[in-house]
Amino acid sequence: MEYLNIVIIALIILFLVRRMFPTKGIRQITTAELNNELQDKNKQFIDVRTPGEYKGNHIRGFRNIPLQQLGQRMGELSQEREVVVICQSGMRSNSASKLLKKSGFTNVTNVKGGMSAWRPKS
């Protein structure tokens, strides 16, 4: 019985650790690096927060596609162009990035730290 508990705890830890690390094939950038990429018209900028969060504060050029709608709305995005994804802290955008990658998008970028870390260029 004790062995089973150890195995269960180990699996839970492994699951949590895997969620924290970036997925292979997804580029990770900081908000400072994002500042330098915002003018690139070849990129698609997606904010996966709720409409209320987006309305409260967002970066110009980002389109709001909430994470819970992303699966149904992927057709609005081009697989030919890079998709840059942001949320409030980086967790939802990481999940969205993984979903995009699994759906055939090859050029996906997650913004680490999200809107919490965002400081516009002065």
PDB file of N, CA and C in Angstrom:
ATOM      1  N   MET A   1       0.826  -1.195   0.000  1.00  0.00           N
ATOM      2  CA  MET A   1       0.000   0.000   0.000  1.00  0.00           C
ATOM      3  C   MET A   1       0.875   1.267   0.000  1.00  0.00           C
ATOM      4  N   GLU A   2       1.939   1.253   0.786  1.00  0.00           N
ATOM      5  CA  GLU A   2       2.819   2.417   0.857  1.00  0.00           C
ATOM      6  C   GLU A   2       3.488   2.658  -0.502  1.00  0.00           C
ATOM      7  N   TYR A   3       3.857   1.568  -1.187  1.00  0.00           N
ATOM      8  CA  TYR A   3       4.473   1.663  -2.508  1.00  0.00           C
ATOM      9  C   TYR A   3       3.520   2.356  -3.486  1.00  0.00           C
ATOM     10  N   LEU A   4       2.253   2.005  -3.425  1.00  0.00           N
ATOM     11  CA  LEU A   4       1.245   2.600  -4.297  1.00  0.00           C
ATOM     12  C   LEU A   4       1.135   4.106  -4.053  1.00  0.00           C
ATOM     13  N   ASN A   5       1.170   4.502  -2.782  1.00  0.00           N
ATOM     14  CA  ASN A   5       1.109   5.932  -2.445  1.00  0.00           C
ATOM     15  C   ASN A   5       2.304   6.682  -3.017  1.00  0.00           C
ATOM     16  N   ILE A   6       3.485   6.071  -2.942  1.00  0.00           N
ATOM     17  CA  ILE A   6       4.696   6.697  -3.475  1.00  0.00           C
ATOM     18  C   ILE A   6       4.575   6.854  -4.983  1.00  0.00           C
ATOM     19  N   VAL A   7       4.074   5.840  -5.665  1.00  0.00           N
ATOM     20  CA  VAL A   7       3.911   5.895  -7.121  1.00  0.00           C
ATOM     21  C   VAL A   7       2.910   6.995  -7.495  1.00  0.00           C
ATOM     22  N   ILE A   8       1.811   7.084  -6.784  1.00  0.00           N
ATOM     23  CA  ILE A   8       0.790   8.103  -7.065  1.00  0.00           C
ATOM     24  C   ILE A   8       1.369   9.499  -6.859  1.00  0.00           C
ATOM     25  N   ILE A   9       2.086   9.692  -5.773  1.00  0.00           N
ATOM     26  CA  ILE A   9       2.703  11.000  -5.492  1.00  0.00           C
ATOM     27  C   ILE A   9       3.727  11.347  -6.573  1.00  0.00           C
ATOM     28  N   ALA A  10       4.528  10.366  -6.981  1.00  0.00           N
ATOM     29  CA  ALA A  10       5.527  10.597  -8.027  1.00  0.00           C
ATOM     30  C   ALA A  10       4.858  10.994  -9.338  1.00  0.00           C
ATOM     31  N   LEU A  11       3.755  10.342  -9.694  1.00  0.00           N
ATOM     32  CA  LEU A  11       3.039  10.674 -10.926  1.00  0.00           C
ATOM     33  C   LEU A  11       2.451  12.084 -10.865  1.00  0.00           C
ATOM     34  N   ILE A  12       1.935  12.470  -9.722  1.00  0.00           N
ATOM     35  CA  ILE A  12       1.377  13.813  -9.547  1.00  0.00           C
ATOM     36  C   ILE A  12       2.482  14.851  -9.705  1.00  0.00           C
ATOM     37  N   ILE A  13       3.635  14.609  -9.082  1.00  0.00           N
ATOM     38  CA  ILE A  13       4.762  15.541  -9.191  1.00  0.00           C
ATOM     39  C   ILE A  13       5.224  15.648 -10.639  1.00  0.00           C
ATOM     40  N   LEU A  14       5.336  14.506 -11.315  1.00  0.00           N
ATOM     41  CA  LEU A  14       5.752  14.502 -12.716  1.00  0.00           C
ATOM     42  C   LEU A  14       4.778  15.313 -13.569  1.00  0.00           C
ATOM     43  N   PHE A  15       3.477  15.122 -13.349  1.00  0.00           N
ATOM     44  CA  PHE A  15       2.449  15.858 -14.086  1.00  0.00           C
ATOM     45  C   PHE A  15       2.605  17.367 -13.870  1.00  0.00           C
ATOM     46  N   LEU A  16       2.787  17.788 -12.619  1.00  0.00           N
ATOM     47  CA  LEU A  16       2.910  19.210 -12.309  1.00  0.00           C
ATOM     48  C   LEU A  16       4.185  19.808 -12.896  1.00  0.00           C
ATOM     49  N   VAL A  17       5.277  19.083 -12.820  1.00  0.00           N
ATOM     50  CA  VAL A  17       6.546  19.567 -13.355  1.00  0.00           C
ATOM     51  C   VAL A  17       6.462  19.718 -14.867  1.00  0.00           C
ATOM     52  N   ARG A  18       5.854  18.761 -15.553  1.00  0.00           N
ATOM     53  CA  ARG A  18       5.723  18.824 -17.018  1.00  0.00           C
ATOM     54  C   ARG A  18       4.894  20.026 -17.448  1.00  0.00           C
ATOM     55  N   ARG A  19       3.910  20.409 -16.647  1.00  0.00           N
ATOM     56  CA  ARG A  19       3.071  21.568 -16.994  1.00  0.00           C
ATOM     57  C   ARG A  19       3.848  22.872 -16.878  1.00  0.00           C
ATOM     58  N   MET A  20       4.874  22.891 -16.022  1.00  0.00           N
ATOM     59  CA  MET A  20       5.646  24.107 -15.783  1.00  0.00           C
ATOM     60  C   MET A  20       6.683  24.350 -16.887  1.00  0.00           C
ATOM     61  N   PHE A  21       7.186  23.273 -17.510  1.00  0.00           N
ATOM     62  CA  PHE A  21       8.226  23.419 -18.515  1.00  0.00           C
ATOM     63  C   PHE A  21       7.625  23.697 -19.880  1.00  0.00           C
ATOM     64  N   PRO A  22       8.338  24.482 -20.688  1.00  0.00           N
ATOM     65  CA  PRO A  22       7.832  24.778 -22.019  1.00  0.00           C
ATOM     66  C   PRO A  22       7.779  23.525 -22.887  1.00  0.00           C
ATOM     67  N   THR A  23       6.837  23.512 -23.795  1.00  0.00           N
ATOM     68  CA  THR A  23       6.685  22.395 -24.714  1.00  0.00           C
ATOM     69  C   THR A  23       7.707  22.526 -25.835  1.00  0.00           C
ATOM     70  N   LYS A  24       8.239  21.402 -26.246  1.00  0.00           N
ATOM     71  CA  LYS A  24       9.209  21.377 -27.344  1.00  0.00           C
ATOM     72  C   LYS A  24       8.560  21.957 -28.599  1.00  0.00           C
ATOM     73  N   GLY A  25       9.295  22.839 -29.265  1.00  0.00           N
ATOM     74  CA  GLY A  25       8.792  23.415 -30.506  1.00  0.00           C
ATOM     75  C   GLY A  25       7.989  24.691 -30.316  1.00  0.00           C
ATOM     76  N   ILE A  26       7.813  25.128 -29.063  1.00  0.00           N
ATOM     77  CA  ILE A  26       7.123  26.393 -28.807  1.00  0.00           C
ATOM     78  C   ILE A  26       8.156  27.395 -28.309  1.00  0.00           C
ATOM     79  N   ARG A  27       8.294  28.484 -29.045  1.00  0.00           N
ATOM     80  CA  ARG A  27       9.257  29.516 -28.665  1.00  0.00           C
ATOM     81  C   ARG A  27       8.719  30.286 -27.463  1.00  0.00           C
ATOM     82  N   GLN A  28       9.591  30.598 -26.531  1.00  0.00           N
ATOM     83  CA  GLN A  28       9.227  31.361 -25.341  1.00  0.00           C
ATOM     84  C   GLN A  28       9.929  32.711 -25.412  1.00  0.00           C
ATOM     85  N   ILE A  29       9.165  33.808 -25.255  1.00  0.00           N
ATOM     86  CA  ILE A  29       9.779  35.135 -25.244  1.00  0.00           C
ATOM     87  C   ILE A  29       9.310  35.905 -24.014  1.00  0.00           C
ATOM     88  N   THR A  30      10.090  36.894 -23.640  1.00  0.00           N
ATOM     89  CA  THR A  30       9.719  37.776 -22.532  1.00  0.00           C
ATOM     90  C   THR A  30       8.876  38.919 -23.092  1.00  0.00           C
ATOM     91  N   THR A  31       8.275  39.673 -22.201  1.00  0.00           N
ATOM     92  CA  THR A  31       7.492  40.828 -22.655  1.00  0.00           C
ATOM     93  C   THR A  31       8.415  41.898 -23.252  1.00  0.00           C
ATOM     94  N   ALA A  32       9.653  41.979 -22.783  1.00  0.00           N
ATOM     95  CA  ALA A  32      10.613  42.928 -23.363  1.00  0.00           C
ATOM     96  C   ALA A  32      10.900  42.540 -24.816  1.00  0.00           C
ATOM     97  N   GLU A  33      11.059  41.253 -25.078  1.00  0.00           N
ATOM     98  CA  GLU A  33      11.276  40.785 -26.452  1.00  0.00           C
ATOM     99  C   GLU A  33      10.030  41.018 -27.303  1.00  0.00           C
ATOM    100  N   LEU A  34       8.855  40.880 -26.689  1.00  0.00           N
ATOM    101  CA  LEU A  34       7.601  41.118 -27.409  1.00  0.00           C
ATOM    102  C   LEU A  34       7.548  42.541 -27.946  1.00  0.00           C
ATOM    103  N   ASN A  35       8.011  43.504 -27.158  1.00  0.00           N
ATOM    104  CA  ASN A  35       8.027  44.906 -27.591  1.00  0.00           C
ATOM    105  C   ASN A  35       8.676  45.077 -28.958  1.00  0.00           C
ATOM    106  N   ASN A  36       9.726  44.288 -29.219  1.00  0.00           N
ATOM    107  CA  ASN A  36      10.445  44.401 -30.487  1.00  0.00           C
ATOM    108  C   ASN A  36       9.744  43.703 -31.644  1.00  0.00           C
ATOM    109  N   GLU A  37       8.743  42.886 -31.357  1.00  0.00           N
ATOM    110  CA  GLU A  37       8.073  42.103 -32.402  1.00  0.00           C
ATOM    111  C   GLU A  37       6.690  42.624 -32.773  1.00  0.00           C
ATOM    112  N   LEU A  38       6.178  43.576 -32.009  1.00  0.00           N
ATOM    113  CA  LEU A  38       4.798  44.035 -32.199  1.00  0.00           C
ATOM    114  C   LEU A  38       4.530  44.666 -33.567  1.00  0.00           C
ATOM    115  N   GLN A  39       5.539  45.197 -34.221  1.00  0.00           N
ATOM    116  CA  GLN A  39       5.340  45.854 -35.514  1.00  0.00           C
ATOM    117  C   GLN A  39       5.349  44.867 -36.684  1.00  0.00           C
ATOM    118  N   ASP A  40       5.658  43.604 -36.408  1.00  0.00           N
ATOM    119  CA  ASP A  40       5.771  42.598 -37.468  1.00  0.00           C
ATOM    120  C   ASP A  40       4.379  42.185 -37.944  1.00  0.00           C
ATOM    121  N   LYS A  41       4.023  42.618 -39.143  1.00  0.00           N
ATOM    122  CA  LYS A  41       2.687  42.360 -39.702  1.00  0.00           C
ATOM    123  C   LYS A  41       2.511  40.906 -40.151  1.00  0.00           C
ATOM    124  N   ASN A  42       3.601  40.136 -40.189  1.00  0.00           N
ATOM    125  CA  ASN A  42       3.505  38.732 -40.590  1.00  0.00           C
ATOM    126  C   ASN A  42       3.115  37.832 -39.419  1.00  0.00           C
ATOM    127  N   LYS A  43       3.017  38.404 -38.224  1.00  0.00           N
ATOM    128  CA  LYS A  43       2.669  37.618 -37.041  1.00  0.00           C
ATOM    129  C   LYS A  43       1.220  37.859 -36.650  1.00  0.00           C
ATOM    130  N   GLN A  44       0.629  36.835 -36.047  1.00  0.00           N
ATOM    131  CA  GLN A  44      -0.731  36.929 -35.516  1.00  0.00           C
ATOM    132  C   GLN A  44      -0.616  36.997 -34.000  1.00  0.00           C
ATOM    133  N   PHE A  45      -1.169  38.019 -33.397  1.00  0.00           N
ATOM    134  CA  PHE A  45      -1.081  38.211 -31.955  1.00  0.00           C
ATOM    135  C   PHE A  45      -2.431  37.883 -31.324  1.00  0.00           C
ATOM    136  N   ILE A  46      -2.425  36.897 -30.416  1.00  0.00           N
ATOM    137  CA  ILE A  46      -3.663  36.402 -29.807  1.00  0.00           C
ATOM    138  C   ILE A  46      -3.594  36.524 -28.290  1.00  0.00           C
ATOM    139  N   ASP A  47      -4.628  37.103 -27.707  1.00  0.00           N
ATOM    140  CA  ASP A  47      -4.775  37.221 -26.252  1.00  0.00           C
ATOM    141  C   ASP A  47      -5.858  36.224 -25.845  1.00  0.00           C
ATOM    142  N   VAL A  48      -5.497  35.229 -25.028  1.00  0.00           N
ATOM    143  CA  VAL A  48      -6.441  34.155 -24.697  1.00  0.00           C
ATOM    144  C   VAL A  48      -7.156  34.369 -23.353  1.00  0.00           C
ATOM    145  N   ARG A  49      -7.100  35.589 -22.830  1.00  0.00           N
ATOM    146  CA  ARG A  49      -7.825  35.874 -21.593  1.00  0.00           C
ATOM    147  C   ARG A  49      -9.324  36.022 -21.872  1.00  0.00           C
ATOM    148  N   THR A  50     -10.100  36.157 -20.820  1.00  0.00           N
ATOM    149  CA  THR A  50     -11.542  36.337 -20.973  1.00  0.00           C
ATOM    150  C   THR A  50     -11.822  37.707 -21.599  1.00  0.00           C
ATOM    151  N   PRO A  51     -12.989  37.889 -22.216  1.00  0.00           N
ATOM    152  CA  PRO A  51     -13.320  39.202 -22.790  1.00  0.00           C
ATOM    153  C   PRO A  51     -13.252  40.331 -21.757  1.00  0.00           C
ATOM    154  N   GLY A  52     -13.656  40.056 -20.526  1.00  0.00           N
ATOM    155  CA  GLY A  52     -13.587  41.078 -19.472  1.00  0.00           C
ATOM    156  C   GLY A  52     -12.160  41.494 -19.160  1.00  0.00           C
ATOM    157  N   GLU A  53     -11.260  40.517 -19.064  1.00  0.00           N
ATOM    158  CA  GLU A  53      -9.848  40.823 -18.815  1.00  0.00           C
ATOM    159  C   GLU A  53      -9.265  41.627 -19.977  1.00  0.00           C
ATOM    160  N   TYR A  54      -9.597  41.194 -21.185  1.00  0.00           N
ATOM    161  CA  TYR A  54      -9.094  41.854 -22.392  1.00  0.00           C
ATOM    162  C   TYR A  54      -9.583  43.298 -22.458  1.00  0.00           C
ATOM    163  N   LYS A  55     -10.867  43.502 -22.177  1.00  0.00           N
ATOM    164  CA  LYS A  55     -11.454  44.837 -22.231  1.00  0.00           C
ATOM    165  C   LYS A  55     -10.803  45.762 -21.208  1.00  0.00           C
ATOM    166  N   GLY A  56     -10.442  45.204 -20.043  1.00  0.00           N
ATOM    167  CA  GLY A  56      -9.823  46.002 -18.985  1.00  0.00           C
ATOM    168  C   GLY A  56      -8.450  46.522 -19.358  1.00  0.00           C
ATOM    169  N   ASN A  57      -7.674  45.747 -20.097  1.00  0.00           N
ATOM    170  CA  ASN A  57      -6.321  46.143 -20.483  1.00  0.00           C
ATOM    171  C   ASN A  57      -5.806  45.151 -21.507  1.00  0.00           C
ATOM    172  N   HIS A  58      -5.363  45.647 -22.644  1.00  0.00           N
ATOM    173  CA  HIS A  58      -4.769  44.769 -23.642  1.00  0.00           C
ATOM    174  C   HIS A  58      -3.736  45.530 -24.465  1.00  0.00           C
ATOM    175  N   ILE A  59      -2.950  44.780 -25.192  1.00  0.00           N
ATOM    176  CA  ILE A  59      -1.913  45.358 -26.042  1.00  0.00           C
ATOM    177  C   ILE A  59      -2.497  45.553 -27.440  1.00  0.00           C
ATOM    178  N   ARG A  60      -2.319  46.746 -27.973  1.00  0.00           N
ATOM    179  CA  ARG A  60      -2.818  47.049 -29.316  1.00  0.00           C
ATOM    180  C   ARG A  60      -2.231  46.043 -30.313  1.00  0.00           C
ATOM    181  N   GLY A  61      -3.082  45.512 -31.160  1.00  0.00           N
ATOM    182  CA  GLY A  61      -2.638  44.546 -32.160  1.00  0.00           C
ATOM    183  C   GLY A  61      -2.961  43.107 -31.781  1.00  0.00           C
ATOM    184  N   PHE A  62      -3.276  42.881 -30.510  1.00  0.00           N
ATOM    185  CA  PHE A  62      -3.661  41.533 -30.071  1.00  0.00           C
ATOM    186  C   PHE A  62      -5.156  41.344 -30.249  1.00  0.00           C
ATOM    187  N   ARG A  63      -5.535  40.204 -30.786  1.00  0.00           N
ATOM    188  CA  ARG A  63      -6.941  39.823 -30.943  1.00  0.00           C
ATOM    189  C   ARG A  63      -7.347  38.951 -29.777  1.00  0.00           C
ATOM    190  N   ASN A  64      -8.534  39.146 -29.277  1.00  0.00           N
ATOM    191  CA  ASN A  64      -9.021  38.344 -28.149  1.00  0.00           C
ATOM    192  C   ASN A  64      -9.729  37.086 -28.645  1.00  0.00           C
ATOM    193  N   ILE A  65      -9.111  35.942 -28.378  1.00  0.00           N
ATOM    194  CA  ILE A  65      -9.748  34.642 -28.589  1.00  0.00           C
ATOM    195  C   ILE A  65      -9.570  33.893 -27.276  1.00  0.00           C
ATOM    196  N   PRO A  66     -10.578  33.927 -26.388  1.00  0.00           N
ATOM    197  CA  PRO A  66     -10.448  33.267 -25.086  1.00  0.00           C
ATOM    198  C   PRO A  66     -10.056  31.796 -25.219  1.00  0.00           C
ATOM    199  N   LEU A  67      -9.238  31.322 -24.288  1.00  0.00           N
ATOM    200  CA  LEU A  67      -8.731  29.958 -24.328  1.00  0.00           C
ATOM    201  C   LEU A  67      -9.849  28.947 -24.540  1.00  0.00           C
ATOM    202  N   GLN A  68     -10.992  29.116 -23.840  1.00  0.00           N
ATOM    203  CA  GLN A  68     -12.075  28.140 -23.956  1.00  0.00           C
ATOM    204  C   GLN A  68     -12.741  28.146 -25.333  1.00  0.00           C
ATOM    205  N   GLN A  69     -12.489  29.180 -26.157  1.00  0.00           N
ATOM    206  CA  GLN A  69     -13.047  29.245 -27.514  1.00  0.00           C
ATOM    207  C   GLN A  69     -12.021  28.900 -28.591  1.00  0.00           C
ATOM    208  N   LEU A  70     -10.765  28.788 -28.200  1.00  0.00           N
ATOM    209  CA  LEU A  70      -9.693  28.626 -29.187  1.00  0.00           C
ATOM    210  C   LEU A  70      -9.887  27.399 -30.082  1.00  0.00           C
ATOM    211  N   GLY A  71     -10.292  26.290 -29.509  1.00  0.00           N
ATOM    212  CA  GLY A  71     -10.493  25.075 -30.294  1.00  0.00           C
ATOM    213  C   GLY A  71     -11.481  25.270 -31.427  1.00  0.00           C
ATOM    214  N   GLN A  72     -12.575  25.999 -31.173  1.00  0.00           N
ATOM    215  CA  GLN A  72     -13.604  26.225 -32.185  1.00  0.00           C
ATOM    216  C   GLN A  72     -13.226  27.350 -33.156  1.00  0.00           C
ATOM    217  N   ARG A  73     -12.305  28.224 -32.755  1.00  0.00           N
ATOM    218  CA  ARG A  73     -11.998  29.409 -33.566  1.00  0.00           C
ATOM    219  C   ARG A  73     -10.639  29.358 -34.275  1.00  0.00           C
ATOM    220  N   MET A  74      -9.989  28.199 -34.258  1.00  0.00           N
ATOM    221  CA  MET A  74      -8.670  28.091 -34.894  1.00  0.00           C
ATOM    222  C   MET A  74      -8.708  28.395 -36.380  1.00  0.00           C
ATOM    223  N   GLY A  75      -9.864  28.199 -36.994  1.00  0.00           N
ATOM    224  CA  GLY A  75     -10.012  28.494 -38.417  1.00  0.00           C
ATOM    225  C   GLY A  75      -9.800  29.963 -38.740  1.00  0.00           C
ATOM    226  N   GLU A  76      -9.867  30.831 -37.739  1.00  0.00           N
ATOM    227  CA  GLU A  76      -9.649  32.266 -37.935  1.00  0.00           C
ATOM    228  C   GLU A  76      -8.161  32.596 -38.047  1.00  0.00           C
ATOM    229  N   LEU A  77      -7.314  31.605 -37.750  1.00  0.00           N
ATOM    230  CA  LEU A  77      -5.870  31.822 -37.763  1.00  0.00           C
ATOM    231  C   LEU A  77      -5.227  31.112 -38.947  1.00  0.00           C
ATOM    232  N   SER A  78      -4.154  31.698 -39.452  1.00  0.00           N
ATOM    233  CA  SER A  78      -3.414  31.086 -40.548  1.00  0.00           C
ATOM    234  C   SER A  78      -2.286  30.219 -39.989  1.00  0.00           C
ATOM    235  N   GLN A  79      -2.206  28.988 -40.469  1.00  0.00           N
ATOM    236  CA  GLN A  79      -1.120  28.111 -40.055  1.00  0.00           C
ATOM    237  C   GLN A  79       0.187  28.503 -40.730  1.00  0.00           C
ATOM    238  N   GLU A  80       0.118  29.369 -41.714  1.00  0.00           N
ATOM    239  CA  GLU A  80       1.300  29.798 -42.465  1.00  0.00           C
ATOM    240  C   GLU A  80       2.078  30.894 -41.729  1.00  0.00           C
ATOM    241  N   ARG A  81       1.415  31.574 -40.794  1.00  0.00           N
ATOM    242  CA  ARG A  81       2.047  32.695 -40.084  1.00  0.00           C
ATOM    243  C   ARG A  81       2.254  32.359 -38.619  1.00  0.00           C
ATOM    244  N   GLU A  82       3.288  32.961 -38.040  1.00  0.00           N
ATOM    245  CA  GLU A  82       3.576  32.749 -36.613  1.00  0.00           C
ATOM    246  C   GLU A  82       2.420  33.266 -35.761  1.00  0.00           C
ATOM    247  N   VAL A  83       2.102  32.513 -34.702  1.00  0.00           N
ATOM    248  CA  VAL A  83       1.070  32.922 -33.744  1.00  0.00           C
ATOM    249  C   VAL A  83       1.773  33.231 -32.424  1.00  0.00           C
ATOM    250  N   VAL A  84       1.594  34.457 -31.923  1.00  0.00           N
ATOM    251  CA  VAL A  84       2.155  34.885 -30.648  1.00  0.00           C
ATOM    252  C   VAL A  84       0.997  34.951 -29.660  1.00  0.00           C
ATOM    253  N   VAL A  85       1.130  34.222 -28.541  1.00  0.00           N
ATOM    254  CA  VAL A  85       0.017  34.068 -27.605  1.00  0.00           C
ATOM    255  C   VAL A  85       0.373  34.667 -26.242  1.00  0.00           C
ATOM    256  N   ILE A  86      -0.583  35.423 -25.671  1.00  0.00           N
ATOM    257  CA  ILE A  86      -0.393  36.021 -24.346  1.00  0.00           C
ATOM    258  C   ILE A  86      -1.643  35.794 -23.503  1.00  0.00           C
ATOM    259  N   CYS A  87      -1.488  35.799 -22.173  1.00  0.00           N
ATOM    260  CA  CYS A  87      -2.620  35.765 -21.233  1.00  0.00           C
ATOM    261  C   CYS A  87      -2.239  36.664 -20.056  1.00  0.00           C
ATOM    262  N   GLN A  88      -2.733  36.388 -18.873  1.00  0.00           N
ATOM    263  CA  GLN A  88      -2.407  37.235 -17.732  1.00  0.00           C
ATOM    264  C   GLN A  88      -1.043  36.904 -17.130  1.00  0.00           C
ATOM    265  N   SER A  89      -0.746  35.593 -16.981  1.00  0.00           N
ATOM    266  CA  SER A  89       0.501  35.201 -16.308  1.00  0.00           C
ATOM    267  C   SER A  89       1.415  34.316 -17.145  1.00  0.00           C
ATOM    268  N   GLY A  90       0.898  33.761 -18.228  1.00  0.00           N
ATOM    269  CA  GLY A  90       1.690  32.857 -19.057  1.00  0.00           C
ATOM    270  C   GLY A  90       1.212  31.419 -19.004  1.00  0.00           C
ATOM    271  N   MET A  91       0.335  31.086 -18.075  1.00  0.00           N
ATOM    272  CA  MET A  91      -0.148  29.703 -17.937  1.00  0.00           C
ATOM    273  C   MET A  91      -1.176  29.356 -19.023  1.00  0.00           C
ATOM    274  N   ARG A  92      -2.197  30.190 -19.184  1.00  0.00           N
ATOM    275  CA  ARG A  92      -3.211  29.907 -20.210  1.00  0.00           C
ATOM    276  C   ARG A  92      -2.615  30.001 -21.609  1.00  0.00           C
ATOM    277  N   SER A  93      -1.714  30.958 -21.808  1.00  0.00           N
ATOM    278  CA  SER A  93      -1.104  31.083 -23.136  1.00  0.00           C
ATOM    279  C   SER A  93      -0.216  29.878 -23.425  1.00  0.00           C
ATOM    280  N   ASN A  94       0.399  29.298 -22.402  1.00  0.00           N
ATOM    281  CA  ASN A  94       1.193  28.082 -22.599  1.00  0.00           C
ATOM    282  C   ASN A  94       0.269  26.933 -23.005  1.00  0.00           C
ATOM    283  N   SER A  95      -0.888  26.826 -22.351  1.00  0.00           N
ATOM    284  CA  SER A  95      -1.870  25.794 -22.726  1.00  0.00           C
ATOM    285  C   SER A  95      -2.366  26.023 -24.150  1.00  0.00           C
ATOM    286  N   ALA A  96      -2.642  27.275 -24.484  1.00  0.00           N
ATOM    287  CA  ALA A  96      -3.105  27.611 -25.835  1.00  0.00           C
ATOM    288  C   ALA A  96      -2.028  27.281 -26.868  1.00  0.00           C
ATOM    289  N   SER A  97      -0.779  27.561 -26.533  1.00  0.00           N
ATOM    290  CA  SER A  97       0.333  27.268 -27.443  1.00  0.00           C
ATOM    291  C   SER A  97       0.432  25.770 -27.709  1.00  0.00           C
ATOM    292  N   LYS A  98       0.271  24.977 -26.661  1.00  0.00           N
ATOM    293  CA  LYS A  98       0.305  23.516 -26.815  1.00  0.00           C
ATOM    294  C   LYS A  98      -0.849  23.046 -27.705  1.00  0.00           C
ATOM    295  N   LEU A  99      -2.031  23.615 -27.508  1.00  0.00           N
ATOM    296  CA  LEU A  99      -3.203  23.257 -28.312  1.00  0.00           C
ATOM    297  C   LEU A  99      -2.970  23.604 -29.788  1.00  0.00           C
ATOM    298  N   LEU A 100      -2.416  24.779 -30.041  1.00  0.00           N
ATOM    299  CA  LEU A 100      -2.118  25.190 -31.410  1.00  0.00           C
ATOM    300  C   LEU A 100      -1.101  24.241 -32.043  1.00  0.00           C
ATOM    301  N   LYS A 101      -0.068  23.909 -31.288  1.00  0.00           N
ATOM    302  CA  LYS A 101       0.985  23.013 -31.788  1.00  0.00           C
ATOM    303  C   LYS A 101       0.402  21.645 -32.150  1.00  0.00           C
ATOM    304  N   LYS A 102      -0.444  21.107 -31.271  1.00  0.00           N
ATOM    305  CA  LYS A 102      -1.070  19.806 -31.525  1.00  0.00           C
ATOM    306  C   LYS A 102      -2.017  19.857 -32.719  1.00  0.00           C
ATOM    307  N   SER A 103      -2.512  21.048 -33.038  1.00  0.00           N
ATOM    308  CA  SER A 103      -3.464  21.208 -34.141  1.00  0.00           C
ATOM    309  C   SER A 103      -2.778  21.520 -35.466  1.00  0.00           C
ATOM    310  N   GLY A 104      -1.464  21.457 -35.492  1.00  0.00           N
ATOM    311  CA  GLY A 104      -0.750  21.616 -36.753  1.00  0.00           C
ATOM    312  C   GLY A 104      -0.070  22.952 -36.983  1.00  0.00           C
ATOM    313  N   PHE A 105      -0.169  23.870 -36.039  1.00  0.00           N
ATOM    314  CA  PHE A 105       0.538  25.142 -36.174  1.00  0.00           C
ATOM    315  C   PHE A 105       2.010  24.887 -35.862  1.00  0.00           C
ATOM    316  N   THR A 106       2.892  25.301 -36.761  1.00  0.00           N
ATOM    317  CA  THR A 106       4.302  24.975 -36.588  1.00  0.00           C
ATOM    318  C   THR A 106       5.115  26.110 -35.979  1.00  0.00           C
ATOM    319  N   ASN A 107       4.607  27.333 -36.066  1.00  0.00           N
ATOM    320  CA  ASN A 107       5.356  28.491 -35.587  1.00  0.00           C
ATOM    321  C   ASN A 107       4.546  29.198 -34.499  1.00  0.00           C
ATOM    322  N   VAL A 108       4.745  28.749 -33.245  1.00  0.00           N
ATOM    323  CA  VAL A 108       3.959  29.245 -32.115  1.00  0.00           C
ATOM    324  C   VAL A 108       4.906  29.831 -31.065  1.00  0.00           C
ATOM    325  N   THR A 109       4.552  31.002 -30.548  1.00  0.00           N
ATOM    326  CA  THR A 109       5.356  31.679 -29.530  1.00  0.00           C
ATOM    327  C   THR A 109       4.484  32.008 -28.329  1.00  0.00           C
ATOM    328  N   ASN A 110       4.983  31.686 -27.141  1.00  0.00           N
ATOM    329  CA  ASN A 110       4.301  31.996 -25.887  1.00  0.00           C
ATOM    330  C   ASN A 110       5.027  33.165 -25.211  1.00  0.00           C
ATOM    331  N   VAL A 111       4.253  34.129 -24.704  1.00  0.00           N
ATOM    332  CA  VAL A 111       4.837  35.264 -23.987  1.00  0.00           C
ATOM    333  C   VAL A 111       4.875  34.922 -22.499  1.00  0.00           C
ATOM    334  N   LYS A 112       6.096  34.721 -21.987  1.00  0.00           N
ATOM    335  CA  LYS A 112       6.282  34.365 -20.574  1.00  0.00           C
ATOM    336  C   LYS A 112       5.907  35.551 -19.682  1.00  0.00           C
ATOM    337  N   GLY A 113       5.216  35.273 -18.597  1.00  0.00           N
ATOM    338  CA  GLY A 113       4.854  36.330 -17.651  1.00  0.00           C
ATOM    339  C   GLY A 113       3.588  37.061 -18.003  1.00  0.00           C
ATOM    340  N   GLY A 114       3.185  37.000 -19.274  1.00  0.00           N
ATOM    341  CA  GLY A 114       1.922  37.575 -19.711  1.00  0.00           C
ATOM    342  C   GLY A 114       1.759  39.056 -19.401  1.00  0.00           C
ATOM    343  N   MET A 115       0.503  39.467 -19.320  1.00  0.00           N
ATOM    344  CA  MET A 115       0.176  40.870 -19.073  1.00  0.00           C
ATOM    345  C   MET A 115       0.686  41.351 -17.721  1.00  0.00           C
ATOM    346  N   SER A 116       0.863  40.436 -16.775  1.00  0.00           N
ATOM    347  CA  SER A 116       1.388  40.812 -15.464  1.00  0.00           C
ATOM    348  C   SER A 116       2.803  41.378 -15.578  1.00  0.00           C
ATOM    349  N   ALA A 117       3.556  40.916 -16.580  1.00  0.00           N
ATOM    350  CA  ALA A 117       4.942  41.361 -16.771  1.00  0.00           C
ATOM    351  C   ALA A 117       5.067  42.446 -17.837  1.00  0.00           C
ATOM    352  N   TRP A 118       3.969  42.773 -18.508  1.00  0.00           N
ATOM    353  CA  TRP A 118       4.015  43.710 -19.643  1.00  0.00           C
ATOM    354  C   TRP A 118       4.312  45.134 -19.210  1.00  0.00           C
ATOM    355  N   ARG A 119       5.296  45.716 -19.869  1.00  0.00           N
ATOM    356  CA  ARG A 119       5.608  47.134 -19.710  1.00  0.00           C
ATOM    357  C   ARG A 119       5.784  47.695 -21.109  1.00  0.00           C
ATOM    358  N   PRO A 120       4.908  48.593 -21.539  1.00  0.00           N
ATOM    359  CA  PRO A 120       5.040  49.135 -22.897  1.00  0.00           C
ATOM    360  C   PRO A 120       6.379  49.877 -23.063  1.00  0.00           C
ATOM    361  N   LYS A 121       6.870  49.884 -24.288  1.00  0.00           N
ATOM    362  CA  LYS A 121       8.099  50.610 -24.601  1.00  0.00           C
ATOM    363  C   LYS A 121       7.860  52.098 -24.356  1.00  0.00           C
ATOM    364  N   SER A 122       8.799  52.740 -23.664  1.00  0.00           N
ATOM    365  CA  SER A 122       8.599  54.175 -23.434  1.00  0.00           C
ATOM    366  C   SER A 122       9.300  55.014 -24.458  1.00  0.00           C
TER     367      SER A 122
END
